[in-house]
Amino acid sequence: MCRNITVLRGLEPAATDQEIYAAAQQYVRKVGGLSGLSSTTKPAVDKAVAAIAAATTTLLAELPERRVPPTTEPPLRRIAAREAAAGG
């Protein structure tokens, strides 16, 4: 499950709050079977994303440093790199 969630441990520079939040959103949407949000699902999703982002931040802070960096970059970094290369 959640094969598409990018590894955040060992990134240089370290994962940002925005990257952690994006990973938490991916996780919640996958587990909840949600492709979008409605007024009835948004409160529960927002609460779950905040809790998972907080737990992820704690986890990354408490794990030992990784010897080998991840093989892929988080989606937000890939988008930023494409925009920088395109001059945008």
PDB file of N, CA and C in Angstrom:
ATOM      1  N   MET A   1       0.840  -1.186   0.000  1.00  0.00           N
ATOM      2  CA  MET A   1       0.000   0.000   0.000  1.00  0.00           C
ATOM      3  C   MET A   1       0.882   1.246   0.000  1.00  0.00           C
ATOM      4  N   CYS A   2       0.413   2.293  -0.607  1.00  0.00           N
ATOM      5  CA  CYS A   2       1.075   3.607  -0.606  1.00  0.00           C
ATOM      6  C   CYS A   2       2.462   3.570  -1.218  1.00  0.00           C
ATOM      7  N   ARG A   3       2.616   2.831  -2.285  1.00  0.00           N
ATOM      8  CA  ARG A   3       3.918   2.765  -2.940  1.00  0.00           C
ATOM      9  C   ARG A   3       4.365   4.119  -3.450  1.00  0.00           C
ATOM     10  N   ASN A   4       3.431   5.020  -3.713  1.00  0.00           N
ATOM     11  CA  ASN A   4       3.777   6.308  -4.302  1.00  0.00           C
ATOM     12  C   ASN A   4       4.200   7.364  -3.295  1.00  0.00           C
ATOM     13  N   ILE A   5       4.133   7.074  -2.021  1.00  0.00           N
ATOM     14  CA  ILE A   5       4.578   8.045  -1.034  1.00  0.00           C
ATOM     15  C   ILE A   5       6.104   8.020  -1.007  1.00  0.00           C
ATOM     16  N   THR A   6       6.698   9.173  -1.201  1.00  0.00           N
ATOM     17  CA  THR A   6       8.145   9.286  -1.305  1.00  0.00           C
ATOM     18  C   THR A   6       8.815   9.184   0.051  1.00  0.00           C
ATOM     19  N   VAL A   7       9.972   8.549   0.071  1.00  0.00           N
ATOM     20  CA  VAL A   7      10.778   8.454   1.288  1.00  0.00           C
ATOM     21  C   VAL A   7      11.278   9.851   1.643  1.00  0.00           C
ATOM     22  N   LEU A   8      11.069  10.265   2.878  1.00  0.00           N
ATOM     23  CA  LEU A   8      11.495  11.591   3.320  1.00  0.00           C
ATOM     24  C   LEU A   8      12.740  11.533   4.200  1.00  0.00           C
ATOM     25  N   ARG A   9      12.994  10.402   4.787  1.00  0.00           N
ATOM     26  CA  ARG A   9      14.164  10.258   5.667  1.00  0.00           C
ATOM     27  C   ARG A   9      15.443  10.282   4.835  1.00  0.00           C
ATOM     28  N   GLY A  10      16.382  11.105   5.240  1.00  0.00           N
ATOM     29  CA  GLY A  10      17.682  11.156   4.579  1.00  0.00           C
ATOM     30  C   GLY A  10      17.788  12.163   3.462  1.00  0.00           C
ATOM     31  N   LEU A  11      16.767  12.964   3.256  1.00  0.00           N
ATOM     32  CA  LEU A  11      16.836  13.980   2.213  1.00  0.00           C
ATOM     33  C   LEU A  11      17.839  15.063   2.596  1.00  0.00           C
ATOM     34  N   GLU A  12      18.491  15.612   1.600  1.00  0.00           N
ATOM     35  CA  GLU A  12      19.376  16.757   1.795  1.00  0.00           C
ATOM     36  C   GLU A  12      18.957  17.839   0.832  1.00  0.00           C
ATOM     37  N   PRO A  13      18.508  18.972   1.303  1.00  0.00           N
ATOM     38  CA  PRO A  13      18.253  19.296   2.694  1.00  0.00           C
ATOM     39  C   PRO A  13      17.082  18.474   3.237  1.00  0.00           C
ATOM     40  N   ALA A  14      16.941  18.513   4.537  1.00  0.00           N
ATOM     41  CA  ALA A  14      15.915  17.716   5.215  1.00  0.00           C
ATOM     42  C   ALA A  14      14.520  18.054   4.688  1.00  0.00           C
ATOM     43  N   ALA A  15      13.618  17.105   4.843  1.00  0.00           N
ATOM     44  CA  ALA A  15      12.232  17.293   4.409  1.00  0.00           C
ATOM     45  C   ALA A  15      11.632  18.529   5.062  1.00  0.00           C
ATOM     46  N   THR A  16      10.916  19.284   4.269  1.00  0.00           N
ATOM     47  CA  THR A  16      10.263  20.497   4.773  1.00  0.00           C
ATOM     48  C   THR A  16       8.895  20.143   5.366  1.00  0.00           C
ATOM     49  N   ASP A  17       8.333  21.078   6.113  1.00  0.00           N
ATOM     50  CA  ASP A  17       6.984  20.883   6.640  1.00  0.00           C
ATOM     51  C   ASP A  17       5.992  20.666   5.506  1.00  0.00           C
ATOM     52  N   GLN A  18       6.191  21.378   4.403  1.00  0.00           N
ATOM     53  CA  GLN A  18       5.298  21.252   3.250  1.00  0.00           C
ATOM     54  C   GLN A  18       5.391  19.853   2.641  1.00  0.00           C
ATOM     55  N   GLU A  19       6.599  19.294   2.551  1.00  0.00           N
ATOM     56  CA  GLU A  19       6.773  17.940   2.012  1.00  0.00           C
ATOM     57  C   GLU A  19       6.157  16.894   2.942  1.00  0.00           C
ATOM     58  N   ILE A  20       6.313  17.094   4.232  1.00  0.00           N
ATOM     59  CA  ILE A  20       5.723  16.171   5.211  1.00  0.00           C
ATOM     60  C   ILE A  20       4.204  16.234   5.119  1.00  0.00           C
ATOM     61  N   TYR A  21       3.654  17.420   5.013  1.00  0.00           N
ATOM     62  CA  TYR A  21       2.206  17.595   4.903  1.00  0.00           C
ATOM     63  C   TYR A  21       1.684  16.933   3.622  1.00  0.00           C
ATOM     64  N   ALA A  22       2.402  17.104   2.510  1.00  0.00           N
ATOM     65  CA  ALA A  22       1.985  16.499   1.239  1.00  0.00           C
ATOM     66  C   ALA A  22       1.984  14.972   1.339  1.00  0.00           C
ATOM     67  N   ALA A  23       2.987  14.402   1.995  1.00  0.00           N
ATOM     68  CA  ALA A  23       3.034  12.948   2.176  1.00  0.00           C
ATOM     69  C   ALA A  23       1.872  12.486   3.055  1.00  0.00           C
ATOM     70  N   ALA A  24       1.557  13.247   4.083  1.00  0.00           N
ATOM     71  CA  ALA A  24       0.428  12.906   4.959  1.00  0.00           C
ATOM     72  C   ALA A  24      -0.884  12.952   4.176  1.00  0.00           C
ATOM     73  N   GLN A  25      -1.025  13.929   3.307  1.00  0.00           N
ATOM     74  CA  GLN A  25      -2.224  14.006   2.465  1.00  0.00           C
ATOM     75  C   GLN A  25      -2.336  12.788   1.560  1.00  0.00           C
ATOM     76  N   GLN A  26      -1.224  12.397   0.946  1.00  0.00           N
ATOM     77  CA  GLN A  26      -1.228  11.210   0.078  1.00  0.00           C
ATOM     78  C   GLN A  26      -1.682   9.992   0.863  1.00  0.00           C
ATOM     79  N   TYR A  27      -1.131   9.821   2.044  1.00  0.00           N
ATOM     80  CA  TYR A  27      -1.463   8.673   2.874  1.00  0.00           C
ATOM     81  C   TYR A  27      -2.948   8.655   3.227  1.00  0.00           C
ATOM     82  N   VAL A  28      -3.462   9.772   3.693  1.00  0.00           N
ATOM     83  CA  VAL A  28      -4.862   9.844   4.113  1.00  0.00           C
ATOM     84  C   VAL A  28      -5.791   9.594   2.926  1.00  0.00           C
ATOM     85  N   ARG A  29      -5.488  10.170   1.795  1.00  0.00           N
ATOM     86  CA  ARG A  29      -6.333   9.963   0.618  1.00  0.00           C
ATOM     87  C   ARG A  29      -6.316   8.508   0.165  1.00  0.00           C
ATOM     88  N   LYS A  30      -5.149   7.884   0.223  1.00  0.00           N
ATOM     89  CA  LYS A  30      -5.041   6.477  -0.170  1.00  0.00           C
ATOM     90  C   LYS A  30      -5.823   5.589   0.795  1.00  0.00           C
ATOM     91  N   VAL A  31      -5.584   5.745   2.075  1.00  0.00           N
ATOM     92  CA  VAL A  31      -6.243   4.917   3.082  1.00  0.00           C
ATOM     93  C   VAL A  31      -7.754   5.156   3.077  1.00  0.00           C
ATOM     94  N   GLY A  32      -8.155   6.408   2.901  1.00  0.00           N
ATOM     95  CA  GLY A  32      -9.571   6.751   2.914  1.00  0.00           C
ATOM     96  C   GLY A  32     -10.277   6.490   1.596  1.00  0.00           C
ATOM     97  N   GLY A  33      -9.518   6.124   0.559  1.00  0.00           N
ATOM     98  CA  GLY A  33     -10.127   5.890  -0.747  1.00  0.00           C
ATOM     99  C   GLY A  33     -10.737   7.143  -1.333  1.00  0.00           C
ATOM    100  N   LEU A  34     -10.074   8.274  -1.110  1.00  0.00           N
ATOM    101  CA  LEU A  34     -10.598   9.571  -1.541  1.00  0.00           C
ATOM    102  C   LEU A  34      -9.812  10.111  -2.725  1.00  0.00           C
ATOM    103  N   SER A  35     -10.534  10.556  -3.745  1.00  0.00           N
ATOM    104  CA  SER A  35      -9.851  11.227  -4.848  1.00  0.00           C
ATOM    105  C   SER A  35     -10.019  12.734  -4.744  1.00  0.00           C
ATOM    106  N   GLY A  36     -10.988  13.160  -3.954  1.00  0.00           N
ATOM    107  CA  GLY A  36     -11.232  14.578  -3.734  1.00  0.00           C
ATOM    108  C   GLY A  36     -11.900  14.775  -2.391  1.00  0.00           C
ATOM    109  N   LEU A  37     -12.079  16.026  -2.020  1.00  0.00           N
ATOM    110  CA  LEU A  37     -12.696  16.326  -0.737  1.00  0.00           C
ATOM    111  C   LEU A  37     -14.073  16.947  -0.942  1.00  0.00           C
ATOM    112  N   SER A  38     -14.966  16.642  -0.026  1.00  0.00           N
ATOM    113  CA  SER A  38     -16.284  17.270  -0.006  1.00  0.00           C
ATOM    114  C   SER A  38     -16.445  17.941   1.351  1.00  0.00           C
ATOM    115  N   SER A  39     -17.509  18.659   1.506  1.00  0.00           N
ATOM    116  CA  SER A  39     -17.740  19.329   2.791  1.00  0.00           C
ATOM    117  C   SER A  39     -17.949  18.321   3.917  1.00  0.00           C
ATOM    118  N   THR A  40     -18.362  17.124   3.583  1.00  0.00           N
ATOM    119  CA  THR A  40     -18.563  16.108   4.620  1.00  0.00           C
ATOM    120  C   THR A  40     -17.277  15.360   4.969  1.00  0.00           C
ATOM    121  N   THR A  41     -16.328  15.273   4.030  1.00  0.00           N
ATOM    122  CA  THR A  41     -15.079  14.544   4.311  1.00  0.00           C
ATOM    123  C   THR A  41     -13.945  15.454   4.765  1.00  0.00           C
ATOM    124  N   LYS A  42     -13.993  16.727   4.412  1.00  0.00           N
ATOM    125  CA  LYS A  42     -12.872  17.643   4.685  1.00  0.00           C
ATOM    126  C   LYS A  42     -12.477  17.726   6.157  1.00  0.00           C
ATOM    127  N   PRO A  43     -13.403  17.880   7.103  1.00  0.00           N
ATOM    128  CA  PRO A  43     -12.984  17.974   8.510  1.00  0.00           C
ATOM    129  C   PRO A  43     -12.214  16.743   8.998  1.00  0.00           C
ATOM    130  N   ALA A  44     -12.694  15.566   8.659  1.00  0.00           N
ATOM    131  CA  ALA A  44     -12.012  14.333   9.082  1.00  0.00           C
ATOM    132  C   ALA A  44     -10.650  14.205   8.412  1.00  0.00           C
ATOM    133  N   VAL A  45     -10.584  14.553   7.136  1.00  0.00           N
ATOM    134  CA  VAL A  45      -9.317  14.471   6.402  1.00  0.00           C
ATOM    135  C   VAL A  45      -8.319  15.469   6.970  1.00  0.00           C
ATOM    136  N   ASP A  46      -8.740  16.697   7.190  1.00  0.00           N
ATOM    137  CA  ASP A  46      -7.840  17.721   7.742  1.00  0.00           C
ATOM    138  C   ASP A  46      -7.278  17.288   9.099  1.00  0.00           C
ATOM    139  N   LYS A  47      -8.140  16.736   9.945  1.00  0.00           N
ATOM    140  CA  LYS A  47      -7.712  16.276  11.269  1.00  0.00           C
ATOM    141  C   LYS A  47      -6.707  15.134  11.147  1.00  0.00           C
ATOM    142  N   ALA A  48      -6.971  14.191  10.269  1.00  0.00           N
ATOM    143  CA  ALA A  48      -6.069  13.048  10.076  1.00  0.00           C
ATOM    144  C   ALA A  48      -4.738  13.489   9.484  1.00  0.00           C
ATOM    145  N   VAL A  49      -4.774  14.379   8.505  1.00  0.00           N
ATOM    146  CA  VAL A  49      -3.535  14.858   7.880  1.00  0.00           C
ATOM    147  C   VAL A  49      -2.662  15.563   8.916  1.00  0.00           C
ATOM    148  N   ALA A  50      -3.257  16.406   9.750  1.00  0.00           N
ATOM    149  CA  ALA A  50      -2.491  17.111  10.781  1.00  0.00           C
ATOM    150  C   ALA A  50      -1.854  16.122  11.758  1.00  0.00           C
ATOM    151  N   ALA A  51      -2.601  15.101  12.166  1.00  0.00           N
ATOM    152  CA  ALA A  51      -2.060  14.113  13.106  1.00  0.00           C
ATOM    153  C   ALA A  51      -0.935  13.310  12.472  1.00  0.00           C
ATOM    154  N   ILE A  52      -1.110  12.919  11.229  1.00  0.00           N
ATOM    155  CA  ILE A  52      -0.080  12.120  10.558  1.00  0.00           C
ATOM    156  C   ILE A  52       1.154  12.967  10.259  1.00  0.00           C
ATOM    157  N   ALA A  53       0.958  14.215   9.887  1.00  0.00           N
ATOM    158  CA  ALA A  53       2.106  15.103   9.653  1.00  0.00           C
ATOM    159  C   ALA A  53       2.901  15.296  10.940  1.00  0.00           C
ATOM    160  N   ALA A  54       2.214  15.463  12.058  1.00  0.00           N
ATOM    161  CA  ALA A  54       2.902  15.615  13.348  1.00  0.00           C
ATOM    162  C   ALA A  54       3.655  14.340  13.711  1.00  0.00           C
ATOM    163  N   ALA A  55       3.018  13.197  13.522  1.00  0.00           N
ATOM    164  CA  ALA A  55       3.680  11.926  13.824  1.00  0.00           C
ATOM    165  C   ALA A  55       4.881  11.704  12.914  1.00  0.00           C
ATOM    166  N   THR A  56       4.758  12.096  11.656  1.00  0.00           N
ATOM    167  CA  THR A  56       5.868  11.948  10.706  1.00  0.00           C
ATOM    168  C   THR A  56       7.033  12.845  11.094  1.00  0.00           C
ATOM    169  N   THR A  57       6.755  14.062  11.502  1.00  0.00           N
ATOM    170  CA  THR A  57       7.804  14.983  11.944  1.00  0.00           C
ATOM    171  C   THR A  57       8.558  14.391  13.133  1.00  0.00           C
ATOM    172  N   THR A  58       7.818  13.853  14.088  1.00  0.00           N
ATOM    173  CA  THR A  58       8.434  13.215  15.253  1.00  0.00           C
ATOM    174  C   THR A  58       9.270  12.015  14.840  1.00  0.00           C
ATOM    175  N   LEU A  59       8.713  11.187  13.976  1.00  0.00           N
ATOM    176  CA  LEU A  59       9.433  10.000  13.508  1.00  0.00           C
ATOM    177  C   LEU A  59      10.748  10.376  12.839  1.00  0.00           C
ATOM    178  N   LEU A  60      10.714  11.325  11.921  1.00  0.00           N
ATOM    179  CA  LEU A  60      11.934  11.719  11.207  1.00  0.00           C
ATOM    180  C   LEU A  60      12.976  12.304  12.161  1.00  0.00           C
ATOM    181  N   ALA A  61      12.523  13.011  13.184  1.00  0.00           N
ATOM    182  CA  ALA A  61      13.453  13.603  14.150  1.00  0.00           C
ATOM    183  C   ALA A  61      14.101  12.534  15.035  1.00  0.00           C
ATOM    184  N   GLU A  62      13.380  11.457  15.291  1.00  0.00           N
ATOM    185  CA  GLU A  62      13.877  10.440  16.222  1.00  0.00           C
ATOM    186  C   GLU A  62      14.636   9.292  15.566  1.00  0.00           C
ATOM    187  N   LEU A  63      14.484   9.112  14.260  1.00  0.00           N
ATOM    188  CA  LEU A  63      15.218   8.044  13.585  1.00  0.00           C
ATOM    189  C   LEU A  63      16.679   8.438  13.422  1.00  0.00           C
ATOM    190  N   PRO A  64      17.577   7.451  13.415  1.00  0.00           N
ATOM    191  CA  PRO A  64      18.985   7.776  13.163  1.00  0.00           C
ATOM    192  C   PRO A  64      19.155   8.256  11.719  1.00  0.00           C
ATOM    193  N   GLU A  65      20.264   8.959  11.485  1.00  0.00           N
ATOM    194  CA  GLU A  65      20.532   9.443  10.131  1.00  0.00           C
ATOM    195  C   GLU A  65      20.648   8.267   9.183  1.00  0.00           C
ATOM    196  N   ARG A  66      20.257   8.504   7.979  1.00  0.00           N
ATOM    197  CA  ARG A  66      20.302   7.475   6.950  1.00  0.00           C
ATOM    198  C   ARG A  66      21.650   7.547   6.253  1.00  0.00           C
ATOM    199  N   ARG A  67      22.266   6.400   6.035  1.00  0.00           N
ATOM    200  CA  ARG A  67      23.595   6.372   5.401  1.00  0.00           C
ATOM    201  C   ARG A  67      23.533   6.672   3.914  1.00  0.00           C
ATOM    202  N   VAL A  68      22.476   6.209   3.276  1.00  0.00           N
ATOM    203  CA  VAL A  68      22.324   6.404   1.835  1.00  0.00           C
ATOM    204  C   VAL A  68      21.062   7.232   1.597  1.00  0.00           C
ATOM    205  N   PRO A  69      21.178   8.317   0.834  1.00  0.00           N
ATOM    206  CA  PRO A  69      19.983   9.127   0.595  1.00  0.00           C
ATOM    207  C   PRO A  69      18.950   8.351  -0.228  1.00  0.00           C
ATOM    208  N   PRO A  70      17.690   8.764  -0.171  1.00  0.00           N
ATOM    209  CA  PRO A  70      16.662   8.098  -0.965  1.00  0.00           C
ATOM    210  C   PRO A  70      16.977   8.195  -2.452  1.00  0.00           C
ATOM    211  N   THR A  71      16.468   7.245  -3.214  1.00  0.00           N
ATOM    212  CA  THR A  71      16.752   7.218  -4.658  1.00  0.00           C
ATOM    213  C   THR A  71      15.847   8.146  -5.452  1.00  0.00           C
ATOM    214  N   THR A  72      14.765   8.606  -4.853  1.00  0.00           N
ATOM    215  CA  THR A  72      13.861   9.517  -5.547  1.00  0.00           C
ATOM    216  C   THR A  72      13.654  10.774  -4.720  1.00  0.00           C
ATOM    217  N   GLU A  73      13.340  11.855  -5.423  1.00  0.00           N
ATOM    218  CA  GLU A  73      13.043  13.113  -4.747  1.00  0.00           C
ATOM    219  C   GLU A  73      11.540  13.233  -4.531  1.00  0.00           C
ATOM    220  N   PRO A  74      11.141  13.932  -3.478  1.00  0.00           N
ATOM    221  CA  PRO A  74       9.712  14.159  -3.272  1.00  0.00           C
ATOM    222  C   PRO A  74       9.113  14.931  -4.450  1.00  0.00           C
ATOM    223  N   PRO A  75       7.825  14.733  -4.720  1.00  0.00           N
ATOM    224  CA  PRO A  75       7.184  15.410  -5.851  1.00  0.00           C
ATOM    225  C   PRO A  75       7.357  16.926  -5.839  1.00  0.00           C
ATOM    226  N   LEU A  76       7.289  17.564  -4.670  1.00  0.00           N
ATOM    227  CA  LEU A  76       7.425  19.020  -4.631  1.00  0.00           C
ATOM    228  C   LEU A  76       8.800  19.465  -5.111  1.00  0.00           C
ATOM    229  N   ARG A  77       9.825  18.677  -4.839  1.00  0.00           N
ATOM    230  CA  ARG A  77      11.176  19.039  -5.309  1.00  0.00           C
ATOM    231  C   ARG A  77      11.306  18.804  -6.809  1.00  0.00           C
ATOM    232  N   ARG A  78      10.656  17.763  -7.313  1.00  0.00           N
ATOM    233  CA  ARG A  78      10.696  17.509  -8.761  1.00  0.00           C
ATOM    234  C   ARG A  78       9.992  18.635  -9.509  1.00  0.00           C
ATOM    235  N   ILE A  79       8.860  19.089  -8.984  1.00  0.00           N
ATOM    236  CA  ILE A  79       8.124  20.193  -9.620  1.00  0.00           C
ATOM    237  C   ILE A  79       8.962  21.462  -9.600  1.00  0.00           C
ATOM    238  N   ALA A  80       9.593  21.770  -8.464  1.00  0.00           N
ATOM    239  CA  ALA A  80      10.418  22.966  -8.355  1.00  0.00           C
ATOM    240  C   ALA A  80      11.604  22.904  -9.315  1.00  0.00           C
ATOM    241  N   ALA A  81      12.199  21.724  -9.460  1.00  0.00           N
ATOM    242  CA  ALA A  81      13.340  21.573 -10.372  1.00  0.00           C
ATOM    243  C   ALA A  81      12.910  21.790 -11.823  1.00  0.00           C
ATOM    244  N   ARG A  82      11.731  21.264 -12.193  1.00  0.00           N
ATOM    245  CA  ARG A  82      11.217  21.463 -13.557  1.00  0.00           C
ATOM    246  C   ARG A  82      10.939  22.941 -13.814  1.00  0.00           C
ATOM    247  N   GLU A  83      10.348  23.608 -12.824  1.00  0.00           N
ATOM    248  CA  GLU A  83      10.037  25.026 -12.989  1.00  0.00           C
ATOM    249  C   GLU A  83      11.312  25.863 -13.103  1.00  0.00           C
ATOM    250  N   ALA A  84      12.323  25.509 -12.316  1.00  0.00           N
ATOM    251  CA  ALA A  84      13.599  26.243 -12.370  1.00  0.00           C
ATOM    252  C   ALA A  84      14.265  26.021 -13.718  1.00  0.00           C
ATOM    253  N   ALA A  85      14.198  24.793 -14.233  1.00  0.00           N
ATOM    254  CA  ALA A  85      14.811  24.493 -15.533  1.00  0.00           C
ATOM    255  C   ALA A  85      14.083  25.204 -16.677  1.00  0.00           C
ATOM    256  N   ALA A  86      12.780  25.397 -16.494  1.00  0.00           N
ATOM    257  CA  ALA A  86      11.988  26.063 -17.515  1.00  0.00           C
ATOM    258  C   ALA A  86      12.064  27.588 -17.387  1.00  0.00           C
ATOM    259  N   GLY A  87      12.736  28.045 -16.333  1.00  0.00           N
ATOM    260  CA  GLY A  87      12.880  29.473 -16.140  1.00  0.00           C
ATOM    261  C   GLY A  87      11.667  30.115 -15.490  1.00  0.00           C
ATOM    262  N   GLY A  88      10.845  29.279 -14.807  1.00  0.00           N
ATOM    263  CA  GLY A  88       9.618  29.819 -14.241  1.00  0.00           C
ATOM    264  C   GLY A  88       9.676  29.929 -12.797  1.00  0.00           C
TER     265      GLY A  88
END
